[in-house]
Amino acid sequence: MNYNVDQRTKITPRVRYLFVAVLVLGCAFGTVATAAAQNVAPPPTPSAITPPAGNSAFLEGHAQGTQGYVCLPTSTGGTSWTINAARPEATLFTKFFGQDVQIITHFTSINANPNENATLPVPLSGNATWQSSFDTSKVWAKAVGSIAAGSDAASCPNTGSIPCLLLQSIGNQKGPAGGKLLADTTFVQRLNTNGGAAPTTTCSVGQTQLVPYTADYYFFRADQ
């Protein structure tokens, strides 16, 4: 009996400590999400990659990721590297007290909640997806505008990188607990791309390669 009492005495402070730690961590995540969603000012962009009037940026994330390529045969009998739309992968960060904190994961998945902008039936190959690291809300989007890297000094200055894009929401989803950080996203900009361009090496059919890139992603929602 004394053994059980002693064990409860030892365990209780540990449980309390874990509870407090989880509570503090949750508050910190909420603070980061709120801070990241304020005072967002994208650089000026050409009209091809500028969201329509009535949409304002509410969130920015700096991405570190990879763009996938696959080697395919060409019509002339050779081979070339072709972008693999199913293989963009990136993690988006924001600064919090001088430290990089993960806020979003970027990947490809099947659009589970298509809107009026989606192509139906939903492609089984998936669509570009961004998922909040805080509340698991999502936005799926498709590219509706593009400029070549190096063509705009303010928003896309790095020649030889993947293009800068404007993407329109084709689906949104709240998190399982009702979180909606990304659930109202209407447009996404991919700016300041650096790297990620197709390899220049020769290749064999079926060969794949991941090329690192960085970029700034801006998330927009309709003005209230």
Protein backbone atom coordinates (compact mmCIF):
# COMPACT_ATOMS: atom_id res chain seq x y z
CA MET A 1 0.00 0.00 0.00
CA ASN A 2 2.79 2.42 0.93
CA TYR A 3 4.47 1.59 -2.38
CA ASN A 4 1.39 2.66 -4.34
CA VAL A 5 1.06 5.87 -2.34
CA ASP A 6 4.71 6.69 -2.95
CA GLN A 7 4.30 6.02 -6.66
CA ARG A 8 1.30 8.33 -6.87
CA THR A 9 3.28 10.99 -5.01
CA LYS A 10 6.12 10.72 -7.54
CA ILE A 11 3.91 10.55 -10.61
CA THR A 12 1.56 13.44 -9.78
CA PRO A 13 4.19 16.23 -10.07
CA ARG A 14 5.37 14.69 -13.33
CA VAL A 15 1.83 14.71 -14.73
CA ARG A 16 1.38 18.30 -13.61
CA TYR A 17 4.64 19.28 -15.29
CA LEU A 18 3.61 17.64 -18.55
CA PHE A 19 0.22 19.33 -18.41
CA VAL A 20 1.81 22.74 -17.90
CA ALA A 21 4.33 22.07 -20.67
CA VAL A 22 1.58 21.12 -23.12
CA LEU A 23 -0.43 24.20 -22.12
CA VAL A 24 2.54 26.52 -22.62
CA LEU A 25 3.38 24.89 -25.94
CA GLY A 26 -0.20 25.27 -27.13
CA CYS A 27 -0.23 28.95 -26.16
CA ALA A 28 3.08 29.46 -27.96
CA PHE A 29 1.73 27.85 -31.13
CA GLY A 30 -1.34 30.07 -30.96
CA THR A 31 0.86 33.13 -30.51
CA VAL A 32 3.02 32.16 -33.48
CA ALA A 33 -0.02 31.60 -35.67
CA THR A 34 -1.49 34.96 -34.68
CA ALA A 35 1.80 36.78 -35.16
CA ALA A 36 2.38 35.16 -38.53
CA ALA A 37 -1.05 36.28 -39.69
CA GLN A 38 -0.43 39.97 -39.02
CA ASN A 39 1.42 42.79 -40.76
CA VAL A 40 1.94 40.85 -43.99
CA ALA A 41 3.16 43.01 -46.87
CA PRO A 42 4.06 41.14 -50.07
CA PRO A 43 6.36 42.90 -52.53
CA PRO A 44 4.76 44.55 -55.57
CA THR A 45 4.19 41.98 -58.30
CA PRO A 46 3.43 41.99 -62.04
CA SER A 47 -0.26 41.70 -62.92
CA ALA A 48 0.19 38.09 -64.05
CA ILE A 49 0.83 36.96 -60.47
CA THR A 50 -1.18 39.56 -58.52
CA PRO A 51 -4.41 38.38 -56.86
CA PRO A 52 -7.59 40.21 -57.89
CA ALA A 53 -8.73 43.26 -55.93
CA GLY A 54 -10.66 42.31 -52.83
CA ASN A 55 -8.07 39.84 -51.55
CA SER A 56 -5.45 40.68 -48.92
CA ALA A 57 -2.41 38.82 -47.65
CA PHE A 58 -2.75 37.47 -44.12
CA LEU A 59 0.10 34.97 -43.80
CA GLU A 60 3.69 34.60 -45.01
CA GLY A 61 5.98 31.58 -44.85
CA HIS A 62 9.55 31.08 -46.01
CA ALA A 63 9.84 27.67 -47.65
CA GLN A 64 12.69 25.21 -47.79
CA GLY A 65 11.92 22.25 -50.00
CA THR A 66 12.53 20.24 -53.14
CA GLN A 67 11.02 20.05 -56.61
CA GLY A 68 10.88 16.62 -58.19
CA TYR A 69 11.79 15.75 -61.79
CA VAL A 70 11.46 12.57 -63.81
CA CYS A 71 13.36 11.63 -66.97
CA LEU A 72 11.02 11.03 -69.92
CA PRO A 73 11.56 10.22 -73.62
CA THR A 74 11.29 13.09 -76.13
CA SER A 75 9.67 13.08 -79.57
CA THR A 76 13.11 13.17 -81.17
CA GLY A 77 14.23 9.95 -79.53
CA GLY A 78 16.20 11.51 -76.70
CA THR A 79 15.36 12.09 -73.04
CA SER A 80 14.75 15.14 -70.91
CA TRP A 81 13.98 16.07 -67.33
CA THR A 82 10.28 16.85 -66.83
CA ILE A 83 8.78 18.40 -63.73
CA ASN A 84 6.96 15.89 -61.56
CA ALA A 85 3.84 17.72 -60.40
CA ALA A 86 3.29 15.14 -57.68
CA ARG A 87 6.61 15.81 -55.99
CA PRO A 88 6.80 19.35 -54.61
CA GLU A 89 7.68 19.08 -50.94
CA ALA A 90 8.46 21.97 -48.63
CA THR A 91 8.25 23.18 -45.06
CA LEU A 92 7.27 26.79 -44.43
CA PHE A 93 8.70 28.75 -41.52
CA THR A 94 8.21 32.10 -39.83
CA LYS A 95 10.39 33.94 -37.33
CA PHE A 96 9.34 33.84 -33.67
CA PHE A 97 11.67 35.53 -31.18
CA GLY A 98 14.42 35.20 -33.79
CA GLN A 99 13.92 31.48 -34.32
CA ASP A 100 12.47 29.68 -37.33
CA VAL A 101 9.17 28.01 -36.38
CA GLN A 102 7.37 25.61 -38.73
CA ILE A 103 3.90 26.85 -39.65
CA ILE A 104 2.89 24.97 -42.83
CA THR A 105 3.73 21.82 -44.78
CA HIS A 106 3.53 21.88 -48.59
CA PHE A 107 2.95 18.64 -50.50
CA THR A 108 0.60 16.99 -53.00
CA SER A 109 -2.68 15.34 -52.01
CA ILE A 110 -6.12 14.59 -53.40
CA ASN A 111 -8.50 17.54 -53.04
CA ALA A 112 -10.96 16.38 -50.38
CA ASN A 113 -13.23 19.44 -50.49
CA PRO A 114 -13.28 20.94 -54.01
CA ASN A 115 -14.85 24.34 -54.65
CA GLU A 116 -16.21 25.99 -57.81
CA ASN A 117 -12.68 26.55 -59.17
CA ALA A 118 -11.76 22.86 -59.08
CA THR A 119 -11.54 20.55 -62.06
CA LEU A 120 -14.01 17.68 -61.78
CA PRO A 121 -13.61 14.82 -61.41
CA VAL A 122 -10.80 15.56 -58.96
CA PRO A 123 -7.47 14.31 -60.38
CA LEU A 124 -6.26 11.20 -58.60
CA SER A 125 -2.71 12.43 -59.12
CA GLY A 126 -3.44 15.09 -56.51
CA ASN A 127 -3.13 18.85 -56.26
CA ALA A 128 -0.71 21.26 -54.60
CA THR A 129 -1.59 21.33 -50.91
CA TRP A 130 -0.66 23.49 -47.92
CA GLN A 131 -1.53 22.27 -44.43
CA SER A 132 -1.27 24.28 -41.23
CA SER A 133 1.10 22.87 -38.64
CA PHE A 134 -1.11 24.33 -35.88
CA ASP A 135 -4.67 23.29 -36.67
CA THR A 136 -4.23 21.02 -39.76
CA SER A 137 -6.53 23.19 -41.89
CA LYS A 138 -5.73 22.94 -45.61
CA VAL A 139 -5.88 24.74 -48.92
CA TRP A 140 -5.55 23.09 -52.32
CA ALA A 141 -4.62 25.38 -55.21
CA LYS A 142 -3.82 25.47 -58.92
CA ALA A 143 -1.51 27.82 -60.81
CA VAL A 144 -3.35 30.59 -62.69
CA GLY A 145 -0.41 32.91 -63.34
CA SER A 146 3.36 32.61 -63.78
CA ILE A 147 6.44 34.73 -64.48
CA ALA A 148 9.97 33.56 -65.21
CA ALA A 149 12.51 33.78 -62.43
CA GLY A 150 14.73 36.80 -62.95
CA SER A 151 12.03 38.76 -64.78
CA ASP A 152 11.01 41.00 -61.85
CA ALA A 153 13.57 42.47 -59.47
CA ALA A 154 11.09 43.09 -56.67
CA SER A 155 9.34 39.74 -56.49
CA CYS A 156 11.21 37.17 -58.59
CA PRO A 157 14.86 38.20 -58.98
CA ASN A 158 16.78 34.92 -59.15
CA THR A 159 17.43 33.91 -62.75
CA GLY A 160 17.55 30.17 -63.41
CA SER A 161 15.16 29.26 -60.59
CA ILE A 162 11.65 27.82 -60.76
CA PRO A 163 8.95 30.34 -61.83
CA CYS A 164 7.09 32.61 -59.47
CA LEU A 165 3.39 31.77 -59.37
CA LEU A 166 -0.09 32.90 -58.51
CA LEU A 167 -2.25 29.97 -57.39
CA GLN A 168 -6.00 30.02 -56.84
CA SER A 169 -7.78 27.97 -54.22
CA ILE A 170 -9.61 24.96 -55.61
CA GLY A 171 -10.53 23.59 -52.19
CA ASN A 172 -10.29 24.36 -48.49
CA GLN A 173 -10.80 22.33 -45.36
CA LYS A 174 -11.01 23.12 -41.66
CA GLY A 175 -8.97 21.11 -39.19
CA PRO A 176 -10.62 18.25 -37.27
CA ALA A 177 -11.18 20.53 -34.29
CA GLY A 178 -12.56 23.37 -36.40
CA GLY A 179 -9.29 25.22 -36.94
CA LYS A 180 -9.36 27.47 -39.98
CA LEU A 181 -5.98 29.18 -40.42
CA LEU A 182 -5.94 28.17 -44.10
CA ALA A 183 -9.63 27.36 -44.52
CA ASP A 184 -10.48 30.78 -46.00
CA THR A 185 -7.46 31.08 -48.30
CA THR A 186 -8.39 32.33 -51.77
CA PHE A 187 -4.97 32.75 -53.42
CA VAL A 188 -1.34 31.79 -52.80
CA GLN A 189 1.71 33.56 -54.22
CA ARG A 190 5.07 31.82 -54.64
CA LEU A 191 7.70 34.56 -54.81
CA ASN A 192 11.48 35.01 -54.48
CA THR A 193 12.16 31.51 -55.74
CA ASN A 194 15.76 30.36 -55.55
CA GLY A 195 16.80 27.02 -57.05
CA GLY A 196 14.51 24.15 -57.97
CA ALA A 197 15.08 24.32 -61.74
CA ALA A 198 15.32 21.18 -63.87
CA PRO A 199 18.69 19.39 -63.86
CA THR A 200 20.93 19.97 -66.87
CA THR A 201 22.55 16.54 -66.76
CA THR A 202 21.77 13.71 -69.17
CA CYS A 203 19.35 11.11 -67.87
CA SER A 204 17.85 7.69 -68.42
CA VAL A 205 14.10 7.13 -68.80
CA GLY A 206 12.47 6.66 -65.42
CA GLN A 207 15.27 8.30 -63.45
CA THR A 208 14.13 10.79 -60.81
CA GLN A 209 15.83 13.66 -59.03
CA LEU A 210 14.92 16.11 -56.27
CA VAL A 211 16.25 19.66 -56.65
CA PRO A 212 16.36 21.92 -53.54
CA TYR A 213 14.67 25.32 -53.60
CA THR A 214 13.60 28.14 -51.33
CA ALA A 215 10.72 30.58 -51.82
CA ASP A 216 8.41 32.94 -50.02
CA TYR A 217 4.74 31.97 -49.95
CA TYR A 218 2.01 34.54 -49.31
CA PHE A 219 -1.54 33.48 -48.46
CA PHE A 220 -4.54 35.68 -49.29
CA ARG A 221 -8.18 35.72 -48.25
CA ALA A 222 -11.19 37.76 -49.28
CA ASP A 223 -11.55 41.13 -47.59
CA GLN A 224 -14.25 41.26 -44.97
